[in-house]
Amino acid sequence: MRGALLLALAVLVGCGGAPHTTEALRRPCPAVALVPGIWLDVGPRPGQVITAATVTACRDGVCRTEQASLAPQDTGWAGFAAFDDLRVGPYEVTVVLPGGTPTTQNTAAWLEFPGGPECGGGVPRVTLQL
């Protein structure tokens, strides 16, 4: 009887009776949703207070304009303009700050995953530094 118990224990240890390391380290995916759109990172503008921006995104000759609210950050302002039809790929984006001249950048939307690529749910996003 004791021999059979030792044999069973040896088989369990040999077969990895405990969860595999990769399985033990798995974490659950968060229930977080992202909105497709364009993040703005506006650097310091001495003497200016910036609370909004107009953002125009163009792709294949089709343009759409949205507004972004901006909030102060340690190094300037940050804001977000939601574009529900944003797709992965190249865009020409023009940003107009109040009282400023338009700034145009060629960029590309990429997929951002709220819990990492293994969780799925990728959403097209762009981040612009101004």
C-alpha atoms as a PDB file:
ATOM      1  CA  MET A   1       0.000   0.000   0.000  1.00  0.00           C
ATOM      2  CA  ARG A   2       2.770   2.359   0.958  1.00  0.00           C
ATOM      3  CA  GLY A   3       4.559   1.588  -2.318  1.00  0.00           C
ATOM      4  CA  ALA A   4       1.447   2.411  -4.330  1.00  0.00           C
ATOM      5  CA  LEU A   5       1.096   5.745  -2.499  1.00  0.00           C
ATOM      6  CA  LEU A   6       4.727   6.642  -3.196  1.00  0.00           C
ATOM      7  CA  LEU A   7       4.293   5.659  -6.847  1.00  0.00           C
ATOM      8  CA  ALA A   8       1.179   7.851  -7.151  1.00  0.00           C
ATOM      9  CA  LEU A   9       3.019  10.766  -5.527  1.00  0.00           C
ATOM     10  CA  ALA A  10       5.982  10.321  -7.887  1.00  0.00           C
ATOM     11  CA  VAL A  11       3.647  10.337 -10.897  1.00  0.00           C
ATOM     12  CA  LEU A  12       1.918  13.519  -9.683  1.00  0.00           C
ATOM     13  CA  VAL A  13       5.231  15.317  -9.143  1.00  0.00           C
ATOM     14  CA  GLY A  14       6.620  14.059 -12.453  1.00  0.00           C
ATOM     15  CA  CYS A  15       3.530  15.147 -14.364  1.00  0.00           C
ATOM     16  CA  GLY A  16       3.414  18.545 -12.747  1.00  0.00           C
ATOM     17  CA  GLY A  17       0.581  17.965 -10.285  1.00  0.00           C
ATOM     18  CA  ALA A  18       0.877  21.634  -9.283  1.00  0.00           C
ATOM     19  CA  PRO A  19      -0.171  24.288 -11.807  1.00  0.00           C
ATOM     20  CA  HIS A  20       2.466  25.174 -14.382  1.00  0.00           C
ATOM     21  CA  THR A  21       4.326  28.403 -13.704  1.00  0.00           C
ATOM     22  CA  THR A  22       2.861  30.179 -16.728  1.00  0.00           C
ATOM     23  CA  GLU A  23      -0.665  29.222 -15.687  1.00  0.00           C
ATOM     24  CA  ALA A  24      -0.044  30.274 -12.088  1.00  0.00           C
ATOM     25  CA  LEU A  25       1.115  33.717 -13.247  1.00  0.00           C
ATOM     26  CA  ARG A  26      -1.900  34.392 -15.484  1.00  0.00           C
ATOM     27  CA  ARG A  27      -3.900  37.379 -14.455  1.00  0.00           C
ATOM     28  CA  PRO A  28      -7.520  38.086 -15.283  1.00  0.00           C
ATOM     29  CA  CYS A  29      -8.244  40.605 -18.016  1.00  0.00           C
ATOM     30  CA  PRO A  30      -9.732  43.882 -16.787  1.00  0.00           C
ATOM     31  CA  ALA A  31     -13.272  44.842 -17.722  1.00  0.00           C
ATOM     32  CA  VAL A  32     -12.141  48.163 -19.174  1.00  0.00           C
ATOM     33  CA  ALA A  33     -13.273  49.690 -22.435  1.00  0.00           C
ATOM     34  CA  LEU A  34     -11.398  52.288 -24.449  1.00  0.00           C
ATOM     35  CA  VAL A  35     -12.771  54.868 -26.855  1.00  0.00           C
ATOM     36  CA  PRO A  36     -11.126  55.327 -30.265  1.00  0.00           C
ATOM     37  CA  GLY A  37      -9.604  58.753 -30.643  1.00  0.00           C
ATOM     38  CA  ILE A  38      -6.663  61.128 -30.552  1.00  0.00           C
ATOM     39  CA  TRP A  39      -4.722  62.035 -27.405  1.00  0.00           C
ATOM     40  CA  LEU A  40      -3.072  65.452 -27.325  1.00  0.00           C
ATOM     41  CA  ASP A  41       0.024  66.214 -25.285  1.00  0.00           C
ATOM     42  CA  VAL A  42       0.516  69.992 -25.469  1.00  0.00           C
ATOM     43  CA  GLY A  43       3.799  71.307 -24.153  1.00  0.00           C
ATOM     44  CA  PRO A  44       4.162  74.439 -22.017  1.00  0.00           C
ATOM     45  CA  ARG A  45       3.012  77.713 -23.568  1.00  0.00           C
ATOM     46  CA  PRO A  46       4.207  80.488 -21.243  1.00  0.00           C
ATOM     47  CA  GLY A  47       1.459  82.986 -20.483  1.00  0.00           C
ATOM     48  CA  GLN A  48      -1.270  80.852 -22.070  1.00  0.00           C
ATOM     49  CA  VAL A  49      -4.096  78.859 -20.576  1.00  0.00           C
ATOM     50  CA  ILE A  50      -5.362  76.245 -23.009  1.00  0.00           C
ATOM     51  CA  THR A  51      -8.679  74.562 -22.317  1.00  0.00           C
ATOM     52  CA  ALA A  52      -9.695  73.258 -25.742  1.00  0.00           C
ATOM     53  CA  ALA A  53      -8.466  72.340 -29.198  1.00  0.00           C
ATOM     54  CA  THR A  54     -10.022  71.586 -32.561  1.00  0.00           C
ATOM     55  CA  VAL A  55      -8.759  68.321 -34.048  1.00  0.00           C
ATOM     56  CA  THR A  56      -9.261  67.347 -37.699  1.00  0.00           C
ATOM     57  CA  ALA A  57      -8.269  63.852 -38.841  1.00  0.00           C
ATOM     58  CA  CYS A  58      -8.053  63.080 -42.575  1.00  0.00           C
ATOM     59  CA  ARG A  59      -7.633  59.726 -44.283  1.00  0.00           C
ATOM     60  CA  ASP A  60      -8.051  58.914 -47.969  1.00  0.00           C
ATOM     61  CA  GLY A  61      -9.484  62.370 -48.657  1.00  0.00           C
ATOM     62  CA  VAL A  62     -12.162  62.108 -45.959  1.00  0.00           C
ATOM     63  CA  CYS A  63     -11.849  64.495 -43.004  1.00  0.00           C
ATOM     64  CA  ARG A  64     -13.667  64.735 -39.713  1.00  0.00           C
ATOM     65  CA  THR A  65     -13.382  67.387 -36.999  1.00  0.00           C
ATOM     66  CA  GLU A  66     -13.896  66.955 -33.256  1.00  0.00           C
ATOM     67  CA  GLN A  67     -13.279  69.068 -30.163  1.00  0.00           C
ATOM     68  CA  ALA A  68     -10.889  68.140 -27.370  1.00  0.00           C
ATOM     69  CA  SER A  69     -11.064  69.489 -23.840  1.00  0.00           C
ATOM     70  CA  LEU A  70      -7.631  70.013 -22.318  1.00  0.00           C
ATOM     71  CA  ALA A  71      -6.604  69.823 -18.686  1.00  0.00           C
ATOM     72  CA  PRO A  72      -3.421  71.145 -17.080  1.00  0.00           C
ATOM     73  CA  GLN A  73      -0.617  68.657 -16.497  1.00  0.00           C
ATOM     74  CA  ASP A  74       2.839  69.031 -14.932  1.00  0.00           C
ATOM     75  CA  THR A  75       4.399  69.687 -18.337  1.00  0.00           C
ATOM     76  CA  GLY A  76       1.621  71.507 -20.196  1.00  0.00           C
ATOM     77  CA  TRP A  77      -1.859  70.244 -21.065  1.00  0.00           C
ATOM     78  CA  ALA A  78      -3.414  66.954 -22.106  1.00  0.00           C
ATOM     79  CA  GLY A  79      -6.676  66.205 -23.841  1.00  0.00           C
ATOM     80  CA  PHE A  80      -8.615  63.706 -25.900  1.00  0.00           C
ATOM     81  CA  ALA A  81     -10.823  63.950 -28.988  1.00  0.00           C
ATOM     82  CA  ALA A  82     -13.081  60.941 -29.545  1.00  0.00           C
ATOM     83  CA  PHE A  83     -13.294  59.666 -33.133  1.00  0.00           C
ATOM     84  CA  ASP A  84     -15.609  56.648 -33.174  1.00  0.00           C
ATOM     85  CA  ASP A  85     -14.704  55.829 -36.792  1.00  0.00           C
ATOM     86  CA  LEU A  86     -10.906  55.935 -36.304  1.00  0.00           C
ATOM     87  CA  ARG A  87      -9.183  52.963 -37.945  1.00  0.00           C
ATOM     88  CA  VAL A  88      -5.650  51.596 -37.779  1.00  0.00           C
ATOM     89  CA  GLY A  89      -3.448  53.233 -40.396  1.00  0.00           C
ATOM     90  CA  PRO A  90      -2.127  56.581 -41.609  1.00  0.00           C
ATOM     91  CA  TYR A  91      -3.795  59.929 -40.910  1.00  0.00           C
ATOM     92  CA  GLU A  92      -3.070  63.591 -41.444  1.00  0.00           C
ATOM     93  CA  VAL A  93      -4.108  65.332 -38.239  1.00  0.00           C
ATOM     94  CA  THR A  94      -4.476  69.097 -37.850  1.00  0.00           C
ATOM     95  CA  VAL A  95      -4.780  70.629 -34.402  1.00  0.00           C
ATOM     96  CA  VAL A  96      -5.821  74.228 -33.777  1.00  0.00           C
ATOM     97  CA  LEU A  97      -5.306  75.663 -30.308  1.00  0.00           C
ATOM     98  CA  PRO A  98      -7.243  78.821 -29.378  1.00  0.00           C
ATOM     99  CA  GLY A  99      -5.516  81.861 -30.837  1.00  0.00           C
ATOM    100  CA  GLY A 100      -2.937  79.668 -32.540  1.00  0.00           C
ATOM    101  CA  THR A 101      -2.088  78.608 -36.030  1.00  0.00           C
ATOM    102  CA  PRO A 102      -2.955  75.115 -37.240  1.00  0.00           C
ATOM    103  CA  THR A 103      -0.366  72.399 -36.658  1.00  0.00           C
ATOM    104  CA  THR A 104      -0.496  69.439 -39.042  1.00  0.00           C
ATOM    105  CA  GLN A 105       1.216  66.092 -38.484  1.00  0.00           C
ATOM    106  CA  ASN A 106       1.262  62.869 -40.448  1.00  0.00           C
ATOM    107  CA  THR A 107       0.771  59.993 -38.048  1.00  0.00           C
ATOM    108  CA  ALA A 108      -0.754  56.553 -37.799  1.00  0.00           C
ATOM    109  CA  ALA A 109      -3.427  55.110 -35.538  1.00  0.00           C
ATOM    110  CA  TRP A 110      -2.388  51.942 -33.711  1.00  0.00           C
ATOM    111  CA  LEU A 111      -4.252  49.469 -31.544  1.00  0.00           C
ATOM    112  CA  GLU A 112      -4.174  50.047 -27.806  1.00  0.00           C
ATOM    113  CA  PHE A 113      -5.179  47.141 -25.596  1.00  0.00           C
ATOM    114  CA  PRO A 114      -6.567  48.011 -22.147  1.00  0.00           C
ATOM    115  CA  GLY A 115      -5.338  44.769 -20.557  1.00  0.00           C
ATOM    116  CA  GLY A 116      -2.589  43.845 -23.006  1.00  0.00           C
ATOM    117  CA  PRO A 117      -2.845  42.108 -26.395  1.00  0.00           C
ATOM    118  CA  GLU A 118      -3.630  38.755 -24.762  1.00  0.00           C
ATOM    119  CA  CYS A 119      -6.918  40.218 -23.479  1.00  0.00           C
ATOM    120  CA  GLY A 120      -8.152  41.428 -26.879  1.00  0.00           C
ATOM    121  CA  GLY A 121     -10.352  44.493 -27.226  1.00  0.00           C
ATOM    122  CA  GLY A 122      -7.832  46.599 -29.144  1.00  0.00           C
ATOM    123  CA  VAL A 123      -9.005  50.130 -29.965  1.00  0.00           C
ATOM    124  CA  PRO A 124      -7.438  52.510 -32.547  1.00  0.00           C
ATOM    125  CA  ARG A 125      -5.646  55.455 -30.891  1.00  0.00           C
ATOM    126  CA  VAL A 126      -3.263  58.248 -31.868  1.00  0.00           C
ATOM    127  CA  THR A 127      -1.048  60.284 -29.563  1.00  0.00           C
ATOM    128  CA  LEU A 128       0.232  63.673 -30.755  1.00  0.00           C
ATOM    129  CA  GLN A 129       2.909  65.794 -29.122  1.00  0.00           C
ATOM    130  CA  LEU A 130       2.485  69.515 -29.788  1.00  0.00           C
END
